Amino acid sequence: VGRASVSYSSRRACPISATLCSAAVDDQNKLEEESSNAYDAILRELSEEANNNQVLDVGPETIDPDGQGDSVDDFAESNIQYAALEPGTVVHIEVGDISLARKAWKKRRRSGSPLLVPCSVLNVDRASTVRWNLIYLLEKFGSNKSGLGNGISISFPTLNQRHRSHLKFSLQKHATALGFETSAELIEHLFNARAQETYGVKLVEDDQGMKWLNAPLSRLKAQKRANKAAVLQFHNDGHQDDTLKHSGIVRNKNHNRQEGENYYRLSALSAALRVSQKEDVDSGMIKDGSLHAAVVFDYDPAGDAGSPLLTLSLNPSCNQVRDKLKIVDRTQKIIQNPDYDLKNLHLGDGPLEGKVLKLVRGGALVDCGVGRKISNQEVYVRVTGFLQFKDAVTSEQSFAQPEDVLLS
């Protein structure tokens, strides 16, 4: 292949990649022409399936709550929809041509580098996909609400509205397909006690009886998580209600959008499976046309020579991508009636008696009964101090000099 870039198309027709590679070796102009034709063919096929391509024309409408998509009514009869796949989510894939695999690492340590094998994203489980859609909408559109705990929250009615306007499909239709009468019943089922513990998302109820999803994340961190998700296009599987089929298209924000242009840009998705040469390929587990369940490892909007690239992994425990699934509550511990208010402390105040919580590099984290008031809330969280080892005194010095900091 030489310096030619390998295109990992996520369409079922994996030989497109081989055509592009051979064309790149022979003639660069022919490569560009073949790429353009292949892309046009994909869009033409999707256009016929979606009734004259109504779904592909994603532009701002005044009745769209996001101000970022088509009118809700335009999608009332369409089964085209979008789903957010964050790192760690499970998809079903078909392996492409192994001979087109390339090293995942560049320059250094290439001898032990994993291989990137072209593959096709086939389908996803509907229930788990809807759950991740709701988490994605919580991260993207959630806001801070007093009385609902720390972090961001989003109400059930807002989830229905955002799912329809932003992901272009009715949440009620998902509920009906999965055997639930209402979308509220579906949300409560997807976020039962076990799911709340697994994903770190809580189901709460306010004083008026309205139910919300809550996550212990700041608005900034939630936005960063949402921006890492790959938003893929799917359509209903005509044979199975519990799965969604991938159309080969990914939706990205159009950063170079001019006035009157679409807010989103739709592109053909390239997908690659991250495997080991010795354990996966040489053992025969990975071969041309084999089917597997894989997890999303990474998404790069320009990772395949400027085209979107979705990287997947067979072994989530090895790559630790599943650790990114749970939203971890990293907020400070709430305390009642702290001994000291951080706002009232000044340099030189003390001595303060404290308890060692944890030894860290170069010192210790100490709890001296200091609290900090949370903005817009009447609660305090614990503030820990850092005591460097070089500043600590021995036990004899502690008793001899009570004015120094005491550690218990």
Protein backbone atom coordinates (compact mmCIF):
# COMPACT_ATOMS: atom_id res chain seq x y z
CA VAL A 1 0.00 0.00 0.00
CA GLY A 2 2.97 2.31 0.63
CA ARG A 3 1.85 5.74 1.75
CA ALA A 4 -1.74 5.30 0.68
CA SER A 5 -4.25 5.72 3.48
CA VAL A 6 -6.54 2.80 4.26
CA SER A 7 -10.22 3.64 4.36
CA TYR A 8 -12.17 1.52 6.85
CA SER A 9 -15.71 1.82 5.57
CA SER A 10 -18.46 0.88 8.02
CA ARG A 11 -20.80 -0.06 5.20
CA ARG A 12 -21.42 -3.73 4.55
CA ALA A 13 -19.47 -3.48 1.33
CA CYS A 14 -15.93 -3.76 2.74
CA PRO A 15 -14.30 -4.14 -0.73
CA ILE A 16 -14.64 -0.35 -1.11
CA SER A 17 -11.51 -0.08 1.03
CA ALA A 18 -9.55 -2.37 -1.28
CA THR A 19 -10.61 -0.34 -4.31
CA LEU A 20 -9.48 2.88 -2.69
CA CYS A 21 -6.12 1.41 -1.69
CA SER A 22 -5.26 0.06 -5.15
CA ALA A 23 -6.36 3.29 -6.76
CA ALA A 24 -4.14 5.29 -4.42
CA VAL A 25 -1.10 3.33 -5.54
CA ASP A 26 -1.83 3.75 -9.25
CA ASP A 27 -3.04 7.28 -9.50
CA GLN A 28 -3.91 9.93 -6.90
CA ASN A 29 -6.53 11.58 -9.08
CA LYS A 30 -8.28 8.28 -9.59
CA LEU A 31 -8.33 7.77 -5.82
CA GLU A 32 -10.19 11.04 -5.29
CA GLU A 33 -12.67 10.16 -8.03
CA GLU A 34 -13.31 6.68 -6.61
CA SER A 35 -13.77 8.11 -3.10
CA SER A 36 -16.27 10.66 -4.35
CA ASN A 37 -18.21 8.04 -6.32
CA ALA A 38 -18.31 5.62 -3.38
CA TYR A 39 -19.54 8.34 -1.05
CA ASP A 40 -22.18 9.49 -3.55
CA ALA A 41 -23.37 5.91 -3.97
CA ILE A 42 -23.85 5.54 -0.21
CA LEU A 43 -25.81 8.76 0.06
CA ARG A 44 -27.88 7.88 -3.02
CA GLU A 45 -28.86 4.54 -1.50
CA LEU A 46 -29.79 6.16 1.81
CA SER A 47 -31.72 8.82 -0.06
CA GLU A 48 -33.94 6.22 -1.69
CA GLU A 49 -34.57 4.49 1.63
CA ALA A 50 -35.48 7.75 3.38
CA ASN A 51 -37.96 9.01 0.77
CA ASN A 52 -36.03 11.51 -1.25
CA ASN A 53 -33.45 12.12 1.45
CA GLN A 54 -35.56 14.14 3.89
CA VAL A 55 -33.49 12.99 6.84
CA LEU A 56 -30.12 13.92 5.34
CA ASP A 57 -31.11 17.59 5.06
CA VAL A 58 -30.40 18.55 8.65
CA GLY A 59 -30.87 22.28 9.02
CA PRO A 60 -32.13 24.76 11.61
CA GLU A 61 -35.87 25.25 12.05
CA THR A 62 -37.64 27.70 14.28
CA ILE A 63 -39.88 25.06 15.86
CA ASP A 64 -36.91 22.86 16.73
CA PRO A 65 -36.11 23.29 20.46
CA ASP A 66 -32.41 22.81 19.71
CA GLY A 67 -32.37 25.24 16.83
CA GLN A 68 -30.12 22.62 15.26
CA GLY A 69 -32.24 20.14 13.37
CA ASP A 70 -35.20 19.71 11.09
CA SER A 71 -38.81 20.15 12.06
CA VAL A 72 -40.08 17.39 14.31
CA ASP A 73 -42.95 16.76 11.92
CA ASP A 74 -40.53 15.98 9.09
CA PHE A 75 -39.49 12.84 10.95
CA ALA A 76 -42.90 11.69 12.13
CA GLU A 77 -43.14 8.92 9.54
CA SER A 78 -39.42 8.18 9.14
CA ASN A 79 -37.56 5.40 10.88
CA ILE A 80 -34.20 7.12 10.43
CA GLN A 81 -32.77 8.14 13.80
CA TYR A 82 -29.51 8.94 15.56
CA ALA A 83 -27.82 7.35 18.55
CA ALA A 84 -24.91 8.50 20.67
CA LEU A 85 -22.17 5.92 21.20
CA GLU A 86 -19.80 6.89 23.98
CA PRO A 87 -16.55 4.99 24.71
CA GLY A 88 -17.43 1.64 26.26
CA THR A 89 -20.79 1.04 24.55
CA VAL A 90 -21.37 -2.29 22.82
CA VAL A 91 -21.99 -2.73 19.07
CA HIS A 92 -22.14 -5.73 16.73
CA ILE A 93 -19.61 -5.75 13.90
CA GLU A 94 -18.44 -7.74 10.89
CA VAL A 95 -14.70 -7.98 10.22
CA GLY A 96 -13.54 -6.81 6.80
CA ASP A 97 -10.38 -7.61 4.83
CA ILE A 98 -7.60 -8.45 7.31
CA SER A 99 -4.95 -7.88 4.64
CA LEU A 100 -5.73 -4.15 4.88
CA ALA A 101 -4.86 -3.99 8.59
CA ARG A 102 -2.31 -1.43 9.73
CA LYS A 103 -0.42 -0.69 12.93
CA ALA A 104 -2.25 1.35 15.54
CA TRP A 105 0.92 2.93 16.93
CA LYS A 106 3.25 5.19 15.02
CA LYS A 107 7.06 5.31 15.10
CA ARG A 108 7.99 3.99 18.57
CA ARG A 109 7.22 0.48 19.84
CA ARG A 110 5.62 -0.56 16.57
CA SER A 111 6.73 -4.19 17.08
CA GLY A 112 4.15 -4.63 19.84
CA SER A 113 1.52 -2.38 18.33
CA PRO A 114 -2.08 -3.58 18.03
CA LEU A 115 -3.57 -3.89 14.56
CA LEU A 116 -6.43 -1.84 13.18
CA VAL A 117 -8.57 -4.17 11.06
CA PRO A 118 -11.34 -2.69 8.86
CA CYS A 119 -14.82 -3.67 9.98
CA SER A 120 -18.49 -2.81 9.51
CA VAL A 121 -20.84 -1.69 12.27
CA LEU A 122 -23.97 -3.81 11.82
CA ASN A 123 -26.43 -3.12 14.62
CA VAL A 124 -26.92 -2.26 18.27
CA ASP A 125 -29.28 -3.38 21.00
CA ARG A 126 -32.26 -1.02 21.16
CA ALA A 127 -32.72 -0.98 24.95
CA SER A 128 -29.07 -0.29 25.81
CA THR A 129 -28.87 2.29 23.00
CA VAL A 130 -31.90 4.17 24.32
CA ARG A 131 -30.33 4.16 27.79
CA TRP A 132 -27.13 5.69 26.43
CA ASN A 133 -29.16 8.19 24.41
CA LEU A 134 -30.80 9.37 27.63
CA ILE A 135 -27.44 9.66 29.39
CA TYR A 136 -26.09 11.59 26.41
CA LEU A 137 -29.07 13.97 26.48
CA LEU A 138 -28.61 14.42 30.24
CA GLU A 139 -24.96 15.35 29.71
CA LYS A 140 -25.66 17.64 26.77
CA PHE A 141 -28.81 19.44 27.92
CA GLY A 142 -28.90 18.88 31.69
CA SER A 143 -28.72 21.87 34.03
CA ASN A 144 -28.24 22.55 37.72
CA LYS A 145 -31.49 22.39 39.67
CA SER A 146 -31.71 23.20 43.36
CA GLY A 147 -33.27 20.55 45.53
CA LEU A 148 -32.35 17.65 43.23
CA GLY A 149 -28.88 16.96 44.57
CA ASN A 150 -25.46 17.81 43.22
CA GLY A 151 -24.70 17.95 39.51
CA ILE A 152 -26.97 18.26 36.50
CA SER A 153 -30.58 17.15 36.02
CA ILE A 154 -33.11 16.82 33.21
CA SER A 155 -36.85 16.11 33.51
CA PHE A 156 -38.76 13.31 31.79
CA PRO A 157 -40.75 15.71 29.55
CA THR A 158 -37.53 17.43 28.46
CA LEU A 159 -35.97 14.05 27.66
CA ASN A 160 -38.91 13.25 25.38
CA GLN A 161 -38.64 16.60 23.67
CA ARG A 162 -34.85 16.48 23.20
CA HIS A 163 -34.87 12.88 22.00
CA ARG A 164 -37.37 13.78 19.30
CA SER A 165 -35.72 17.04 18.22
CA HIS A 166 -32.02 16.21 18.61
CA LEU A 167 -31.94 12.47 17.84
CA LYS A 168 -34.88 12.63 15.40
CA PHE A 169 -36.99 9.83 16.82
CA SER A 170 -39.85 9.54 19.27
CA LEU A 171 -39.02 8.05 22.65
CA GLN A 172 -42.59 6.76 22.81
CA LYS A 173 -41.97 4.66 19.69
CA HIS A 174 -39.00 3.07 21.41
CA ALA A 175 -41.19 2.35 24.44
CA THR A 176 -43.85 0.71 22.25
CA ALA A 177 -41.27 -1.41 20.43
CA LEU A 178 -39.86 -2.62 23.76
CA GLY A 179 -43.29 -3.43 25.23
CA PHE A 180 -43.96 -0.41 27.45
CA GLU A 181 -47.11 1.71 27.42
CA THR A 182 -45.44 5.04 28.13
CA SER A 183 -41.97 6.52 27.75
CA ALA A 184 -41.90 7.20 31.51
CA GLU A 185 -42.22 3.47 32.20
CA LEU A 186 -39.37 2.81 29.78
CA ILE A 187 -37.09 5.35 31.48
CA GLU A 188 -37.84 3.95 34.93
CA HIS A 189 -37.10 0.43 33.67
CA LEU A 190 -33.82 1.45 32.03
CA PHE A 191 -32.69 3.20 35.21
CA ASN A 192 -33.69 0.73 37.90
CA ALA A 193 -31.67 0.45 41.11
CA ARG A 194 -29.03 -1.76 39.55
CA ALA A 195 -28.62 0.47 36.47
CA GLN A 196 -28.34 3.57 38.67
CA GLU A 197 -25.47 1.94 40.55
CA THR A 198 -23.79 0.75 37.35
CA TYR A 199 -23.98 4.00 35.38
CA GLY A 200 -23.90 6.55 38.20
CA VAL A 201 -27.18 8.18 37.09
CA LYS A 202 -29.95 8.65 39.64
CA LEU A 203 -33.71 8.82 39.18
CA VAL A 204 -35.12 11.51 41.49
CA GLU A 205 -38.48 13.16 42.07
CA ASP A 206 -39.10 16.81 42.96
CA ASP A 207 -41.72 18.29 45.33
CA GLN A 208 -44.29 18.54 42.52
CA GLY A 209 -43.99 14.85 41.69
CA MET A 210 -42.04 15.36 38.43
CA LYS A 211 -39.33 12.80 37.80
CA TRP A 212 -35.81 13.68 36.73
CA LEU A 213 -32.52 12.06 35.80
CA ASN A 214 -29.59 13.35 37.82
CA ALA A 215 -25.83 12.88 37.43
CA PRO A 216 -23.09 14.12 39.82
CA LEU A 217 -21.28 16.10 37.11
CA SER A 218 -20.57 19.75 36.60
CA ARG A 219 -21.96 21.37 33.47
CA LEU A 220 -18.47 21.63 31.96
CA LYS A 221 -17.52 18.00 32.54
CA ALA A 222 -20.88 16.82 31.23
CA GLN A 223 -20.40 18.77 28.02
CA LYS A 224 -16.93 17.29 27.55
CA ARG A 225 -18.31 13.76 27.92
CA ALA A 226 -21.12 14.44 25.46
CA ASN A 227 -18.72 15.88 22.88
CA LYS A 228 -16.70 12.64 22.85
CA ALA A 229 -19.69 10.60 21.70
CA ALA A 230 -20.05 9.47 18.09
CA VAL A 231 -23.57 10.21 16.84
CA LEU A 232 -24.36 7.46 14.31
CA GLN A 233 -27.36 7.11 12.04
CA PHE A 234 -29.58 4.04 12.48
CA HIS A 235 -32.91 2.74 11.25
CA ASN A 236 -35.34 0.15 12.56
CA ASP A 237 -34.56 -3.49 11.88
CA GLY A 238 -37.47 -4.84 9.86
CA HIS A 239 -37.04 -8.32 11.36
CA GLN A 240 -36.27 -7.61 15.01
CA ASP A 241 -37.77 -4.91 17.25
CA ASP A 242 -34.98 -5.16 19.81
CA THR A 243 -32.16 -4.06 17.45
CA LEU A 244 -31.30 -1.02 15.33
CA LYS A 245 -29.36 -1.29 12.06
CA HIS A 246 -26.54 1.09 11.23
CA SER A 247 -26.86 2.98 7.94
CA GLY A 248 -23.14 3.71 7.51
CA ILE A 249 -23.53 7.43 8.27
CA VAL A 250 -22.17 9.52 11.15
CA ARG A 251 -23.31 13.03 12.10
CA ASN A 252 -20.77 15.71 13.03
CA LYS A 253 -21.09 19.37 13.77
CA ASN A 254 -20.39 21.56 10.74
CA HIS A 255 -17.72 23.87 12.15
CA ASN A 256 -17.36 25.77 8.86
CA ARG A 257 -21.08 26.38 8.50
CA GLN A 258 -22.07 29.47 6.56
CA GLU A 259 -25.37 31.27 6.87
CA GLY A 260 -28.17 29.13 5.47
CA GLU A 261 -26.13 25.90 5.56
CA ASN A 262 -26.92 22.81 7.60
CA TYR A 263 -25.87 22.78 11.25
CA TYR A 264 -24.65 19.18 10.95
CA ARG A 265 -22.55 17.46 8.34
CA LEU A 266 -23.30 13.83 7.45
CA SER A 267 -20.37 11.64 6.38
CA ALA A 268 -19.69 7.99 5.60
CA LEU A 269 -18.25 6.37 8.73
CA SER A 270 -15.00 4.42 8.74
CA ALA A 271 -14.62 1.75 11.42
CA ALA A 272 -11.62 -0.26 12.57
CA LEU A 273 -11.28 -3.08 15.11
CA ARG A 274 -8.29 -2.93 17.46
CA VAL A 275 -6.87 -6.46 17.75
CA SER A 276 -3.68 -8.31 18.68
CA GLN A 277 -1.70 -9.99 15.92
CA LYS A 278 -0.75 -13.00 18.04
CA GLU A 279 -3.82 -13.51 20.23
CA ASP A 280 -6.57 -12.57 17.79
CA VAL A 281 -5.36 -12.85 14.19
CA ASP A 282 -2.84 -15.70 14.36
CA SER A 283 -5.16 -17.75 16.57
CA GLY A 284 -7.88 -17.56 13.93
CA MET A 285 -10.43 -15.84 16.16
CA ILE A 286 -10.44 -12.80 13.86
CA LYS A 287 -10.90 -13.59 10.17
CA ASP A 288 -12.55 -12.12 7.11
CA GLY A 289 -16.32 -11.91 7.59
CA SER A 290 -16.37 -13.03 11.24
CA LEU A 291 -19.04 -11.49 13.49
CA HIS A 292 -18.27 -10.12 16.95
CA ALA A 293 -19.57 -7.94 19.75
CA ALA A 294 -17.17 -5.06 20.37
CA VAL A 295 -17.04 -1.90 22.44
CA VAL A 296 -16.36 1.64 21.31
CA PHE A 297 -12.74 2.48 22.11
CA ASP A 298 -12.35 5.91 20.54
CA TYR A 299 -13.89 8.26 17.98
CA ASP A 300 -11.96 10.74 15.86
CA PRO A 301 -13.93 12.95 13.44
CA ALA A 302 -10.84 13.16 11.19
CA GLY A 303 -8.95 10.00 12.12
CA ASP A 304 -9.04 8.26 8.71
CA ALA A 305 -7.15 10.70 6.48
CA GLY A 306 -9.62 13.45 7.29
CA SER A 307 -12.69 11.19 7.46
CA PRO A 308 -14.50 10.09 10.65
CA LEU A 309 -12.98 6.97 12.24
CA LEU A 310 -14.62 4.83 14.93
CA THR A 311 -12.15 2.56 16.73
CA LEU A 312 -13.54 -0.52 18.49
CA SER A 313 -12.05 -3.11 20.83
CA LEU A 314 -12.74 -6.78 21.53
CA ASN A 315 -11.27 -6.83 25.02
CA PRO A 316 -12.72 -4.02 27.13
CA SER A 317 -11.13 -5.16 30.39
CA CYS A 318 -7.66 -5.02 28.81
CA ASN A 319 -8.13 -1.53 27.39
CA GLN A 320 -10.10 -0.30 30.41
CA VAL A 321 -12.63 1.50 28.25
CA ARG A 322 -15.48 0.13 30.37
CA ASP A 323 -14.12 2.19 33.26
CA LYS A 324 -15.39 5.26 31.42
CA LEU A 325 -18.98 4.02 31.52
CA LYS A 326 -19.89 5.00 35.05
CA ILE A 327 -20.36 8.63 36.01
CA VAL A 328 -18.42 8.78 39.27
CA ASP A 329 -19.52 11.14 42.00
CA ARG A 330 -16.35 13.08 42.74
CA THR A 331 -18.04 15.78 44.78
CA GLN A 332 -16.88 16.49 48.30
CA LYS A 333 -18.55 14.92 51.31
CA ILE A 334 -21.47 16.91 52.68
CA ILE A 335 -21.01 17.83 56.36
CA GLN A 336 -23.22 19.46 58.98
CA ASN A 337 -22.05 22.43 61.06
CA PRO A 338 -18.33 22.55 60.17
CA ASP A 339 -15.90 23.82 62.80
CA TYR A 340 -14.50 26.40 60.39
CA ASP A 341 -15.82 28.12 57.28
CA LEU A 342 -13.19 28.23 54.54
CA LYS A 343 -14.35 31.73 53.61
CA ASN A 344 -13.50 33.03 57.08
CA LEU A 345 -10.03 31.48 57.33
CA HIS A 346 -6.96 33.59 56.65
CA LEU A 347 -3.25 33.00 56.31
CA GLY A 348 -1.71 32.41 59.73
CA ASP A 349 -4.89 31.25 61.49
CA GLY A 350 -4.49 28.28 63.80
CA PRO A 351 -3.45 25.96 65.23
CA LEU A 352 -5.97 23.54 63.73
CA GLU A 353 -6.25 19.98 64.97
CA GLY A 354 -6.97 17.45 62.26
CA LYS A 355 -7.21 13.81 61.29
CA VAL A 356 -5.13 12.19 58.58
CA LEU A 357 -7.41 10.83 55.83
CA LYS A 358 -4.91 9.62 53.28
CA LEU A 359 -1.18 9.60 52.61
CA VAL A 360 -0.24 10.95 49.20
CA ARG A 361 3.01 11.75 47.48
CA GLY A 362 4.93 14.31 49.53
CA GLY A 363 2.42 14.63 52.34
CA ALA A 364 -0.97 13.79 53.80
CA LEU A 365 -4.58 14.86 53.31
CA VAL A 366 -5.94 16.14 56.63
CA ASP A 367 -9.51 16.81 57.79
CA CYS A 368 -9.50 19.80 60.16
CA GLY A 369 -13.26 20.32 60.26
CA VAL A 370 -13.21 22.97 57.52
CA GLY A 371 -16.26 23.34 55.29
CA ARG A 372 -17.17 25.25 52.14
CA LYS A 373 -20.65 26.40 51.22
CA ILE A 374 -21.95 25.22 47.84
CA SER A 375 -23.14 27.95 45.51
CA ASN A 376 -26.92 28.49 45.54
CA GLN A 377 -27.36 25.79 48.22
CA GLU A 378 -27.53 25.87 52.00
CA VAL A 379 -25.15 22.93 52.49
CA TYR A 380 -21.47 22.59 53.27
CA VAL A 381 -18.93 20.19 51.81
CA ARG A 382 -15.76 19.03 53.49
CA VAL A 383 -12.50 20.77 52.58
CA THR A 384 -9.37 18.74 53.18
CA GLY A 385 -5.95 20.26 53.83
CA PHE A 386 -2.60 19.13 52.49
CA LEU A 387 0.23 18.81 55.02
CA GLN A 388 3.68 18.32 53.54
CA PHE A 389 5.92 15.80 55.25
CA LYS A 390 8.69 18.37 55.53
CA ASP A 391 6.37 20.65 57.53
CA ALA A 392 5.16 17.94 59.92
CA VAL A 393 6.62 17.70 63.43
CA THR A 394 7.46 14.64 65.50
CA SER A 395 5.31 13.43 68.38
CA GLU A 396 7.72 14.86 70.98
CA GLN A 397 7.67 18.22 69.25
CA SER A 398 3.88 18.11 69.05
CA PHE A 399 3.49 17.78 72.81
CA ALA A 400 6.28 20.22 73.52
CA GLN A 401 4.91 22.81 71.12
CA PRO A 402 1.06 22.68 71.22
CA GLU A 403 0.87 25.68 68.93
CA ASP A 404 1.93 23.46 66.00
CA VAL A 405 -0.51 21.43 63.93
CA LEU A 406 -1.55 18.19 65.67
CA LEU A 407 -2.33 15.08 63.65
CA SER A 408 -4.50 12.35 65.16
